[in-house]
Amino acid sequence: MIGKLRVALVAAVLVAMTLLLMPLQLLATRRGWPLAARLPRLWHRVACRVAGLRVTVVGAPARGRPLLIAANHQSWADIMVMGAAAEISFIAKAEVRSWPGFGLLARLQRTVFVEREARRRTGHQADAIARRMSAGDAMVLFAEGTTSNGNLVLPFKTSLFGAAQAALAHSGADTVMVQPAAIAYTRANGLPLGRYARPIAAWPGDVALGPHLLAFLKEGAIDAEIRFCEPMPFTAASNRKLVAATAERAVARALAEALSGRAPGQATPTVSPSAKDPTC
């Protein structure tokens, strides 16, 4: 009974907050006001609080622009966690646009939707992301292209790292920043989440969304940690596949550190053929 009441309370607060902020967000987006980037962060911070998500942030998003943040992806909750941590926008698969509730929120967040399987449109989609980056928006790319079980990082897809290349042309800048970031779910109700309990927070692609969402909200309190690694400069001479591989290793290292409770490493990831163990 307590779990059901909690879910009802969370739903009521989020619906009320969305209806309250939506007209202002639509106006701010249409007018190009900075408020359009700030209101989503307010929404996510309140949403995390009422949903029982306690977010710890290690490091910070890079100040330099254009900026592409390459993160791992475990759950729908990643959006709330990242959105509460910084003024950012997301890159999401096209089908999210039509999801009930989530699609509306994604559009209000000014998400860029991409068709990951449409290889012929990759260049066009990278250009759309690049235009947003060139306008000063920090864009979050969930580079695995799917959700994991929360214990490891899946191979990063390299195609949308082409947005960094396109941003060089759109912005006229000499350098675009690519910043690895690791999202980790570490505790539930104060107790460490082990390997087998991680699916309480993680949402692998073969699990139905509705039951997972309800189970997550009934849990009570989930601790999440974001570790922002050192940004990597992306220039005209950079190789996007090498940048993607280096970012993947940095995120994998940061995730392992967060799950084990270790302090972040001090080395800065470098983009060179000899870069074997980049750290945050």
C-alpha atoms as a PDB file:
ATOM      1  CA  MET A   1       0.000   0.000   0.000  1.00  0.00           C
ATOM      2  CA  ILE A   2       2.812   2.438   0.874  1.00  0.00           C
ATOM      3  CA  GLY A   3       4.479   1.697  -2.453  1.00  0.00           C
ATOM      4  CA  LYS A   4       1.286   2.437  -4.389  1.00  0.00           C
ATOM      5  CA  LEU A   5       0.704   5.676  -2.491  1.00  0.00           C
ATOM      6  CA  ARG A   6       4.268   6.714  -3.207  1.00  0.00           C
ATOM      7  CA  VAL A   7       3.894   6.071  -6.933  1.00  0.00           C
ATOM      8  CA  ALA A   8       0.655   8.063  -6.968  1.00  0.00           C
ATOM      9  CA  LEU A   9       2.317  10.966  -5.157  1.00  0.00           C
ATOM     10  CA  VAL A  10       5.267  11.015  -7.558  1.00  0.00           C
ATOM     11  CA  ALA A  11       2.942  10.942 -10.569  1.00  0.00           C
ATOM     12  CA  ALA A  12       0.757  13.727  -9.196  1.00  0.00           C
ATOM     13  CA  VAL A  13       3.714  16.020  -8.440  1.00  0.00           C
ATOM     14  CA  LEU A  14       5.373  15.465 -11.824  1.00  0.00           C
ATOM     15  CA  VAL A  15       2.149  15.994 -13.795  1.00  0.00           C
ATOM     16  CA  ALA A  16       1.353  19.164 -11.859  1.00  0.00           C
ATOM     17  CA  MET A  17       4.877  20.510 -12.299  1.00  0.00           C
ATOM     18  CA  THR A  18       4.865  19.717 -16.016  1.00  0.00           C
ATOM     19  CA  LEU A  19       1.545  21.475 -16.588  1.00  0.00           C
ATOM     20  CA  LEU A  20       2.763  24.484 -14.602  1.00  0.00           C
ATOM     21  CA  LEU A  21       6.098  24.886 -16.388  1.00  0.00           C
ATOM     22  CA  MET A  22       5.140  23.774 -19.902  1.00  0.00           C
ATOM     23  CA  PRO A  23       3.676  27.084 -21.193  1.00  0.00           C
ATOM     24  CA  LEU A  24       6.708  29.014 -19.977  1.00  0.00           C
ATOM     25  CA  GLN A  25       9.110  26.439 -21.436  1.00  0.00           C
ATOM     26  CA  LEU A  26       7.378  26.562 -24.833  1.00  0.00           C
ATOM     27  CA  LEU A  27       7.531  30.358 -24.858  1.00  0.00           C
ATOM     28  CA  ALA A  28      11.181  30.404 -23.748  1.00  0.00           C
ATOM     29  CA  THR A  29      12.114  27.882 -26.461  1.00  0.00           C
ATOM     30  CA  ARG A  30      10.284  29.855 -29.152  1.00  0.00           C
ATOM     31  CA  ARG A  31      11.928  33.119 -28.099  1.00  0.00           C
ATOM     32  CA  GLY A  32      15.383  31.598 -27.599  1.00  0.00           C
ATOM     33  CA  TRP A  33      15.568  32.674 -23.953  1.00  0.00           C
ATOM     34  CA  PRO A  34      18.270  31.145 -21.680  1.00  0.00           C
ATOM     35  CA  LEU A  35      15.387  30.087 -19.450  1.00  0.00           C
ATOM     36  CA  ALA A  36      14.699  27.285 -21.944  1.00  0.00           C
ATOM     37  CA  ALA A  37      17.857  25.539 -20.680  1.00  0.00           C
ATOM     38  CA  ARG A  38      17.239  26.310 -17.004  1.00  0.00           C
ATOM     39  CA  LEU A  39      13.642  25.156 -16.571  1.00  0.00           C
ATOM     40  CA  PRO A  40      14.350  21.514 -17.519  1.00  0.00           C
ATOM     41  CA  ARG A  41      17.063  21.353 -14.874  1.00  0.00           C
ATOM     42  CA  LEU A  42      14.592  22.662 -12.279  1.00  0.00           C
ATOM     43  CA  TRP A  43      12.092  20.004 -13.375  1.00  0.00           C
ATOM     44  CA  HIS A  44      14.678  17.220 -13.101  1.00  0.00           C
ATOM     45  CA  ARG A  45      15.916  18.336  -9.700  1.00  0.00           C
ATOM     46  CA  VAL A  46      12.381  18.281  -8.288  1.00  0.00           C
ATOM     47  CA  ALA A  47      11.671  14.996 -10.067  1.00  0.00           C
ATOM     48  CA  CYS A  48      14.748  13.361  -8.542  1.00  0.00           C
ATOM     49  CA  ARG A  49      13.757  14.534  -5.087  1.00  0.00           C
ATOM     50  CA  VAL A  50      10.181  13.226  -5.226  1.00  0.00           C
ATOM     51  CA  ALA A  51      11.251   9.975  -6.935  1.00  0.00           C
ATOM     52  CA  GLY A  52      13.847   9.260  -4.239  1.00  0.00           C
ATOM     53  CA  LEU A  53      16.887   9.696  -6.473  1.00  0.00           C
ATOM     54  CA  ARG A  54      19.842  11.109  -4.541  1.00  0.00           C
ATOM     55  CA  VAL A  55      22.421  12.399  -6.999  1.00  0.00           C
ATOM     56  CA  THR A  56      26.121  12.907  -6.251  1.00  0.00           C
ATOM     57  CA  VAL A  57      28.200  14.724  -8.858  1.00  0.00           C
ATOM     58  CA  VAL A  58      31.974  14.284  -9.094  1.00  0.00           C
ATOM     59  CA  GLY A  59      33.633  16.831 -11.355  1.00  0.00           C
ATOM     60  CA  ALA A  60      31.611  19.113 -13.621  1.00  0.00           C
ATOM     61  CA  PRO A  61      30.673  19.617 -17.255  1.00  0.00           C
ATOM     62  CA  ALA A  62      33.394  21.413 -19.185  1.00  0.00           C
ATOM     63  CA  ARG A  63      32.952  25.169 -19.506  1.00  0.00           C
ATOM     64  CA  GLY A  64      34.254  25.273 -23.071  1.00  0.00           C
ATOM     65  CA  ARG A  65      31.894  25.164 -26.021  1.00  0.00           C
ATOM     66  CA  PRO A  66      31.028  23.460 -28.317  1.00  0.00           C
ATOM     67  CA  LEU A  67      30.631  20.482 -25.945  1.00  0.00           C
ATOM     68  CA  LEU A  68      29.579  16.871 -26.538  1.00  0.00           C
ATOM     69  CA  ILE A  69      29.179  14.740 -23.387  1.00  0.00           C
ATOM     70  CA  ALA A  70      29.580  11.003 -24.073  1.00  0.00           C
ATOM     71  CA  ALA A  71      27.925   8.945 -21.327  1.00  0.00           C
ATOM     72  CA  ASN A  72      26.954   5.379 -20.571  1.00  0.00           C
ATOM     73  CA  HIS A  73      23.266   4.489 -20.486  1.00  0.00           C
ATOM     74  CA  GLN A  74      21.447   2.200 -18.055  1.00  0.00           C
ATOM     75  CA  SER A  75      17.946   3.474 -17.458  1.00  0.00           C
ATOM     76  CA  TRP A  76      15.231   6.018 -18.175  1.00  0.00           C
ATOM     77  CA  ALA A  77      16.389   7.470 -14.830  1.00  0.00           C
ATOM     78  CA  ASP A  78      19.660   8.575 -16.484  1.00  0.00           C
ATOM     79  CA  ILE A  79      17.728  11.480 -18.022  1.00  0.00           C
ATOM     80  CA  MET A  80      16.604  12.724 -14.608  1.00  0.00           C
ATOM     81  CA  VAL A  81      20.033  12.218 -13.044  1.00  0.00           C
ATOM     82  CA  MET A  82      21.945  14.010 -15.805  1.00  0.00           C
ATOM     83  CA  GLY A  83      19.260  16.651 -16.206  1.00  0.00           C
ATOM     84  CA  ALA A  84      19.440  17.504 -12.507  1.00  0.00           C
ATOM     85  CA  ALA A  85      23.226  17.838 -12.638  1.00  0.00           C
ATOM     86  CA  ALA A  86      23.578  20.441 -15.393  1.00  0.00           C
ATOM     87  CA  GLU A  87      21.871  22.550 -18.051  1.00  0.00           C
ATOM     88  CA  ILE A  88      22.070  20.086 -20.920  1.00  0.00           C
ATOM     89  CA  SER A  89      20.085  18.657 -23.807  1.00  0.00           C
ATOM     90  CA  PHE A  90      19.926  15.061 -24.956  1.00  0.00           C
ATOM     91  CA  ILE A  91      20.328  13.036 -28.120  1.00  0.00           C
ATOM     92  CA  ALA A  92      17.713  10.263 -28.181  1.00  0.00           C
ATOM     93  CA  LYS A  93      16.504   7.575 -30.544  1.00  0.00           C
ATOM     94  CA  ALA A  94      13.612   8.658 -32.741  1.00  0.00           C
ATOM     95  CA  GLU A  95      11.025   6.311 -31.191  1.00  0.00           C
ATOM     96  CA  VAL A  96      11.256   8.138 -27.850  1.00  0.00           C
ATOM     97  CA  ARG A  97       9.373  11.019 -29.496  1.00  0.00           C
ATOM     98  CA  SER A  98       6.189   8.909 -29.568  1.00  0.00           C
ATOM     99  CA  TRP A  99       6.437   7.401 -26.074  1.00  0.00           C
ATOM    100  CA  PRO A 100       3.491   8.472 -23.860  1.00  0.00           C
ATOM    101  CA  GLY A 101       4.633  11.086 -21.357  1.00  0.00           C
ATOM    102  CA  PHE A 102       8.338  10.563 -22.006  1.00  0.00           C
ATOM    103  CA  GLY A 103       8.045  11.872 -25.564  1.00  0.00           C
ATOM    104  CA  LEU A 104       6.441  15.117 -24.406  1.00  0.00           C
ATOM    105  CA  LEU A 105       9.074  15.625 -21.736  1.00  0.00           C
ATOM    106  CA  ALA A 106      11.847  14.915 -24.246  1.00  0.00           C
ATOM    107  CA  ARG A 107      10.501  17.534 -26.641  1.00  0.00           C
ATOM    108  CA  LEU A 108      10.224  20.089 -23.840  1.00  0.00           C
ATOM    109  CA  GLN A 109      13.849  19.287 -22.970  1.00  0.00           C
ATOM    110  CA  ARG A 110      14.730  20.256 -26.585  1.00  0.00           C
ATOM    111  CA  THR A 111      15.994  16.763 -27.342  1.00  0.00           C
ATOM    112  CA  VAL A 112      17.501  15.999 -30.750  1.00  0.00           C
ATOM    113  CA  PHE A 113      15.958  12.773 -32.090  1.00  0.00           C
ATOM    114  CA  VAL A 114      18.019  10.495 -34.318  1.00  0.00           C
ATOM    115  CA  GLU A 115      17.369   7.327 -36.310  1.00  0.00           C
ATOM    116  CA  ARG A 116      20.335   5.224 -35.287  1.00  0.00           C
ATOM    117  CA  GLU A 117      19.725   2.544 -37.932  1.00  0.00           C
ATOM    118  CA  ALA A 118      19.347   5.046 -40.789  1.00  0.00           C
ATOM    119  CA  ARG A 119      22.975   5.088 -41.896  1.00  0.00           C
ATOM    120  CA  ARG A 120      22.235   7.283 -44.893  1.00  0.00           C
ATOM    121  CA  ARG A 121      20.972   9.993 -42.543  1.00  0.00           C
ATOM    122  CA  THR A 122      23.941   9.885 -40.189  1.00  0.00           C
ATOM    123  CA  GLY A 123      25.562  12.982 -41.700  1.00  0.00           C
ATOM    124  CA  HIS A 124      22.310  14.958 -41.585  1.00  0.00           C
ATOM    125  CA  GLN A 125      21.690  13.927 -37.980  1.00  0.00           C
ATOM    126  CA  ALA A 126      25.240  14.819 -36.968  1.00  0.00           C
ATOM    127  CA  ASP A 127      24.722  18.250 -38.544  1.00  0.00           C
ATOM    128  CA  ALA A 128      21.540  18.784 -36.486  1.00  0.00           C
ATOM    129  CA  ILE A 129      23.432  17.975 -33.288  1.00  0.00           C
ATOM    130  CA  ALA A 130      26.361  20.143 -34.383  1.00  0.00           C
ATOM    131  CA  ARG A 131      24.100  23.164 -34.911  1.00  0.00           C
ATOM    132  CA  ARG A 132      22.855  22.870 -31.335  1.00  0.00           C
ATOM    133  CA  MET A 133      26.397  22.493 -30.010  1.00  0.00           C
ATOM    134  CA  SER A 134      27.521  25.495 -32.041  1.00  0.00           C
ATOM    135  CA  ALA A 135      24.682  27.519 -30.511  1.00  0.00           C
ATOM    136  CA  GLY A 136      26.162  26.824 -27.066  1.00  0.00           C
ATOM    137  CA  ASP A 137      24.085  23.820 -25.965  1.00  0.00           C
ATOM    138  CA  ALA A 138      25.893  21.008 -24.153  1.00  0.00           C
ATOM    139  CA  MET A 139      24.603  17.838 -25.819  1.00  0.00           C
ATOM    140  CA  VAL A 140      24.559  14.446 -24.093  1.00  0.00           C
ATOM    141  CA  LEU A 141      25.150  11.395 -26.283  1.00  0.00           C
ATOM    142  CA  PHE A 142      24.375   7.984 -24.779  1.00  0.00           C
ATOM    143  CA  ALA A 143      27.084   6.458 -26.901  1.00  0.00           C
ATOM    144  CA  GLU A 144      26.306   2.764 -26.325  1.00  0.00           C
ATOM    145  CA  GLY A 145      23.122   3.143 -28.373  1.00  0.00           C
ATOM    146  CA  THR A 146      21.155   1.018 -25.896  1.00  0.00           C
ATOM    147  CA  THR A 147      20.849   0.401 -22.150  1.00  0.00           C
ATOM    148  CA  SER A 148      23.170  -1.903 -20.206  1.00  0.00           C
ATOM    149  CA  ASN A 149      22.670  -3.851 -16.974  1.00  0.00           C
ATOM    150  CA  GLY A 150      24.543  -1.180 -15.023  1.00  0.00           C
ATOM    151  CA  ASN A 151      27.616  -3.284 -14.252  1.00  0.00           C
ATOM    152  CA  LEU A 152      29.639  -2.564 -17.370  1.00  0.00           C
ATOM    153  CA  VAL A 153      29.940  -0.270 -20.367  1.00  0.00           C
ATOM    154  CA  LEU A 154      28.918  -1.572 -23.778  1.00  0.00           C
ATOM    155  CA  PRO A 155      30.944  -0.659 -26.897  1.00  0.00           C
ATOM    156  CA  PHE A 156      30.448   2.957 -27.963  1.00  0.00           C
ATOM    157  CA  LYS A 157      28.875   3.568 -31.363  1.00  0.00           C
ATOM    158  CA  THR A 158      31.106   5.903 -33.337  1.00  0.00           C
ATOM    159  CA  SER A 159      28.752   7.368 -35.948  1.00  0.00           C
ATOM    160  CA  LEU A 160      27.297  10.251 -33.939  1.00  0.00           C
ATOM    161  CA  PHE A 161      30.742  11.313 -32.759  1.00  0.00           C
ATOM    162  CA  GLY A 162      30.755  12.801 -36.244  1.00  0.00           C
ATOM    163  CA  ALA A 163      28.742  15.623 -34.647  1.00  0.00           C
ATOM    164  CA  ALA A 164      32.004  16.841 -33.131  1.00  0.00           C
ATOM    165  CA  GLN A 165      33.526  17.019 -36.597  1.00  0.00           C
ATOM    166  CA  ALA A 166      30.486  18.848 -37.955  1.00  0.00           C
ATOM    167  CA  ALA A 167      30.530  21.298 -35.046  1.00  0.00           C
ATOM    168  CA  LEU A 168      34.016  22.420 -36.060  1.00  0.00           C
ATOM    169  CA  ALA A 169      32.607  23.598 -39.379  1.00  0.00           C
ATOM    170  CA  HIS A 170      29.366  25.051 -37.998  1.00  0.00           C
ATOM    171  CA  SER A 171      30.970  26.974 -35.150  1.00  0.00           C
ATOM    172  CA  GLY A 172      34.160  28.086 -36.809  1.00  0.00           C
ATOM    173  CA  ALA A 173      35.971  26.954 -33.665  1.00  0.00           C
ATOM    174  CA  ASP A 174      39.372  25.264 -33.762  1.00  0.00           C
ATOM    175  CA  THR A 175      38.402  22.794 -31.037  1.00  0.00           C
ATOM    176  CA  VAL A 176      35.287  20.964 -29.869  1.00  0.00           C
ATOM    177  CA  MET A 177      35.298  19.437 -26.389  1.00  0.00           C
ATOM    178  CA  VAL A 178      34.273  15.786 -25.990  1.00  0.00           C
ATOM    179  CA  GLN A 179      33.759  14.893 -22.330  1.00  0.00           C
ATOM    180  CA  PRO A 180      33.305  11.324 -21.057  1.00  0.00           C
ATOM    181  CA  ALA A 181      30.842  10.927 -18.173  1.00  0.00           C
ATOM    182  CA  ALA A 182      29.905   7.838 -16.162  1.00  0.00           C
ATOM    183  CA  ILE A 183      26.520   7.300 -14.500  1.00  0.00           C
ATOM    184  CA  ALA A 184      26.462   4.750 -11.680  1.00  0.00           C
ATOM    185  CA  TYR A 185      23.660   3.532  -9.412  1.00  0.00           C
ATOM    186  CA  THR A 186      25.332   2.623  -6.147  1.00  0.00           C
ATOM    187  CA  ARG A 187      22.823   2.132  -3.310  1.00  0.00           C
ATOM    188  CA  ALA A 188      19.175   1.351  -2.606  1.00  0.00           C
ATOM    189  CA  ASN A 189      17.756   2.493   0.724  1.00  0.00           C
ATOM    190  CA  GLY A 190      21.286   2.995   2.006  1.00  0.00           C
ATOM    191  CA  LEU A 191      22.509  -0.503   1.144  1.00  0.00           C
ATOM    192  CA  PRO A 192      25.106  -1.121  -1.591  1.00  0.00           C
ATOM    193  CA  LEU A 193      23.724  -2.408  -4.872  1.00  0.00           C
ATOM    194  CA  GLY A 194      25.695  -5.469  -5.867  1.00  0.00           C
ATOM    195  CA  ARG A 195      26.059  -6.914  -9.354  1.00  0.00           C
ATOM    196  CA  TYR A 196      22.842  -8.927  -9.149  1.00  0.00           C
ATOM    197  CA  ALA A 197      20.761  -6.171  -7.540  1.00  0.00           C
ATOM    198  CA  ARG A 198      21.791  -3.499 -10.060  1.00  0.00           C
ATOM    199  CA  PRO A 199      18.726  -4.148 -12.287  1.00  0.00           C
ATOM    200  CA  ILE A 200      16.652  -2.429  -9.592  1.00  0.00           C
ATOM    201  CA  ALA A 201      17.946   0.766 -11.156  1.00  0.00           C
ATOM    202  CA  ALA A 202      19.175  -0.377 -14.569  1.00  0.00           C
ATOM    203  CA  TRP A 203      16.663  -0.969 -17.350  1.00  0.00           C
ATOM    204  CA  PRO A 204      18.066  -3.369 -19.974  1.00  0.00           C
ATOM    205  CA  GLY A 205      16.283  -3.214 -23.309  1.00  0.00           C
ATOM    206  CA  ASP A 206      14.490  -6.577 -22.927  1.00  0.00           C
ATOM    207  CA  VAL A 207      12.638  -5.490 -19.745  1.00  0.00           C
ATOM    208  CA  ALA A 208       9.192  -3.868 -20.030  1.00  0.00           C
ATOM    209  CA  LEU A 209       9.261  -0.176 -19.119  1.00  0.00           C
ATOM    210  CA  GLY A 210       6.028   0.019 -17.100  1.00  0.00           C
ATOM    211  CA  PRO A 211       6.804  -2.684 -14.491  1.00  0.00           C
ATOM    212  CA  HIS A 212      10.386  -1.470 -14.129  1.00  0.00           C
ATOM    213  CA  LEU A 213       9.253   2.121 -13.618  1.00  0.00           C
ATOM    214  CA  LEU A 214       6.758   1.114 -10.915  1.00  0.00           C
ATOM    215  CA  ALA A 215       9.261  -1.152  -9.142  1.00  0.00           C
ATOM    216  CA  PHE A 216      11.873   1.603  -9.180  1.00  0.00           C
ATOM    217  CA  LEU A 217       9.510   4.184  -7.672  1.00  0.00           C
ATOM    218  CA  LYS A 218       8.318   1.761  -5.010  1.00  0.00           C
ATOM    219  CA  GLU A 219      11.909   1.076  -3.923  1.00  0.00           C
ATOM    220  CA  GLY A 220      12.132   4.279  -1.894  1.00  0.00           C
ATOM    221  CA  ALA A 221      15.622   5.745  -2.264  1.00  0.00           C
ATOM    222  CA  ILE A 222      18.248   5.148  -4.940  1.00  0.00           C
ATOM    223  CA  ASP A 223      21.714   6.721  -4.865  1.00  0.00           C
ATOM    224  CA  ALA A 224      23.162   7.724  -8.226  1.00  0.00           C
ATOM    225  CA  GLU A 225      26.594   9.139  -8.966  1.00  0.00           C
ATOM    226  CA  ILE A 226      27.822  11.004 -12.037  1.00  0.00           C
ATOM    227  CA  ARG A 227      31.542  11.246 -12.681  1.00  0.00           C
ATOM    228  CA  PHE A 228      32.549  13.826 -15.264  1.00  0.00           C
ATOM    229  CA  CYS A 229      35.963  12.997 -16.702  1.00  0.00           C
ATOM    230  CA  GLU A 230      38.482  15.408 -18.150  1.00  0.00           C
ATOM    231  CA  PRO A 231      37.304  16.696 -21.544  1.00  0.00           C
ATOM    232  CA  MET A 232      39.208  15.744 -24.664  1.00  0.00           C
ATOM    233  CA  PRO A 233      39.934  18.316 -27.369  1.00  0.00           C
ATOM    234  CA  PHE A 234      38.569  17.326 -30.763  1.00  0.00           C
ATOM    235  CA  THR A 235      40.229  19.094 -33.686  1.00  0.00           C
ATOM    236  CA  ALA A 236      40.267  18.791 -37.455  1.00  0.00           C
ATOM    237  CA  ALA A 237      43.098  16.280 -37.097  1.00  0.00           C
ATOM    238  CA  SER A 238      41.204  14.029 -34.657  1.00  0.00           C
ATOM    239  CA  ASN A 239      39.911  10.580 -35.561  1.00  0.00           C
ATOM    240  CA  ARG A 240      36.335  10.093 -34.338  1.00  0.00           C
ATOM    241  CA  LYS A 241      36.742   6.323 -33.920  1.00  0.00           C
ATOM    242  CA  LEU A 242      39.799   6.824 -31.750  1.00  0.00           C
ATOM    243  CA  VAL A 243      38.032   9.542 -29.752  1.00  0.00           C
ATOM    244  CA  ALA A 244      35.030   7.225 -29.225  1.00  0.00           C
ATOM    245  CA  ALA A 245      37.290   4.368 -28.080  1.00  0.00           C
ATOM    246  CA  THR A 246      39.178   6.643 -25.686  1.00  0.00           C
ATOM    247  CA  ALA A 247      35.919   8.012 -24.268  1.00  0.00           C
ATOM    248  CA  GLU A 248      34.611   4.454 -23.828  1.00  0.00           C
ATOM    249  CA  ARG A 249      37.658   3.449 -21.791  1.00  0.00           C
ATOM    250  CA  ALA A 250      37.387   6.572 -19.629  1.00  0.00           C
ATOM    251  CA  VAL A 251      33.707   5.916 -18.896  1.00  0.00           C
ATOM    252  CA  ALA A 252      34.352   2.222 -18.150  1.00  0.00           C
ATOM    253  CA  ARG A 253      37.120   3.144 -15.704  1.00  0.00           C
ATOM    254  CA  ALA A 254      34.994   5.817 -14.013  1.00  0.00           C
ATOM    255  CA  LEU A 255      32.006   3.466 -13.728  1.00  0.00           C
ATOM    256  CA  ALA A 256      34.141   0.758 -12.112  1.00  0.00           C
ATOM    257  CA  GLU A 257      35.547   3.299  -9.644  1.00  0.00           C
ATOM    258  CA  ALA A 258      32.105   4.612  -8.740  1.00  0.00           C
ATOM    259  CA  LEU A 259      30.628   1.139  -8.229  1.00  0.00           C
ATOM    260  CA  SER A 260      33.538   0.132  -5.998  1.00  0.00           C
ATOM    261  CA  GLY A 261      33.528   3.425  -4.082  1.00  0.00           C
ATOM    262  CA  ARG A 262      37.050   4.372  -5.159  1.00  0.00           C
ATOM    263  CA  ALA A 263      38.147   7.976  -5.618  1.00  0.00           C
ATOM    264  CA  PRO A 264      38.516   9.149  -9.213  1.00  0.00           C
ATOM    265  CA  GLY A 265      41.898   8.726 -10.879  1.00  0.00           C
ATOM    266  CA  GLN A 266      43.925  11.795 -11.662  1.00  0.00           C
ATOM    267  CA  ALA A 267      45.167  11.028 -15.175  1.00  0.00           C
ATOM    268  CA  THR A 268      43.730  12.996 -18.070  1.00  0.00           C
ATOM    269  CA  PRO A 269      42.533  10.921 -21.050  1.00  0.00           C
ATOM    270  CA  THR A 270      44.533  11.524 -24.196  1.00  0.00           C
ATOM    271  CA  VAL A 271      43.656  10.741 -27.782  1.00  0.00           C
ATOM    272  CA  SER A 272      46.660   8.854 -29.105  1.00  0.00           C
ATOM    273  CA  PRO A 273      47.297   5.315 -30.310  1.00  0.00           C
ATOM    274  CA  SER A 274      49.080   4.573 -27.034  1.00  0.00           C
ATOM    275  CA  ALA A 275      46.173   5.690 -24.819  1.00  0.00           C
ATOM    276  CA  LYS A 276      45.252   2.402 -23.165  1.00  0.00           C
ATOM    277  CA  ASP A 277      43.880   3.359 -19.777  1.00  0.00           C
ATOM    278  CA  PRO A 278      42.283   6.818 -19.694  1.00  0.00           C
ATOM    279  CA  THR A 279      40.818   7.849 -16.360  1.00  0.00           C
ATOM    280  CA  CYS A 280      38.700  10.620 -14.912  1.00  0.00           C
END
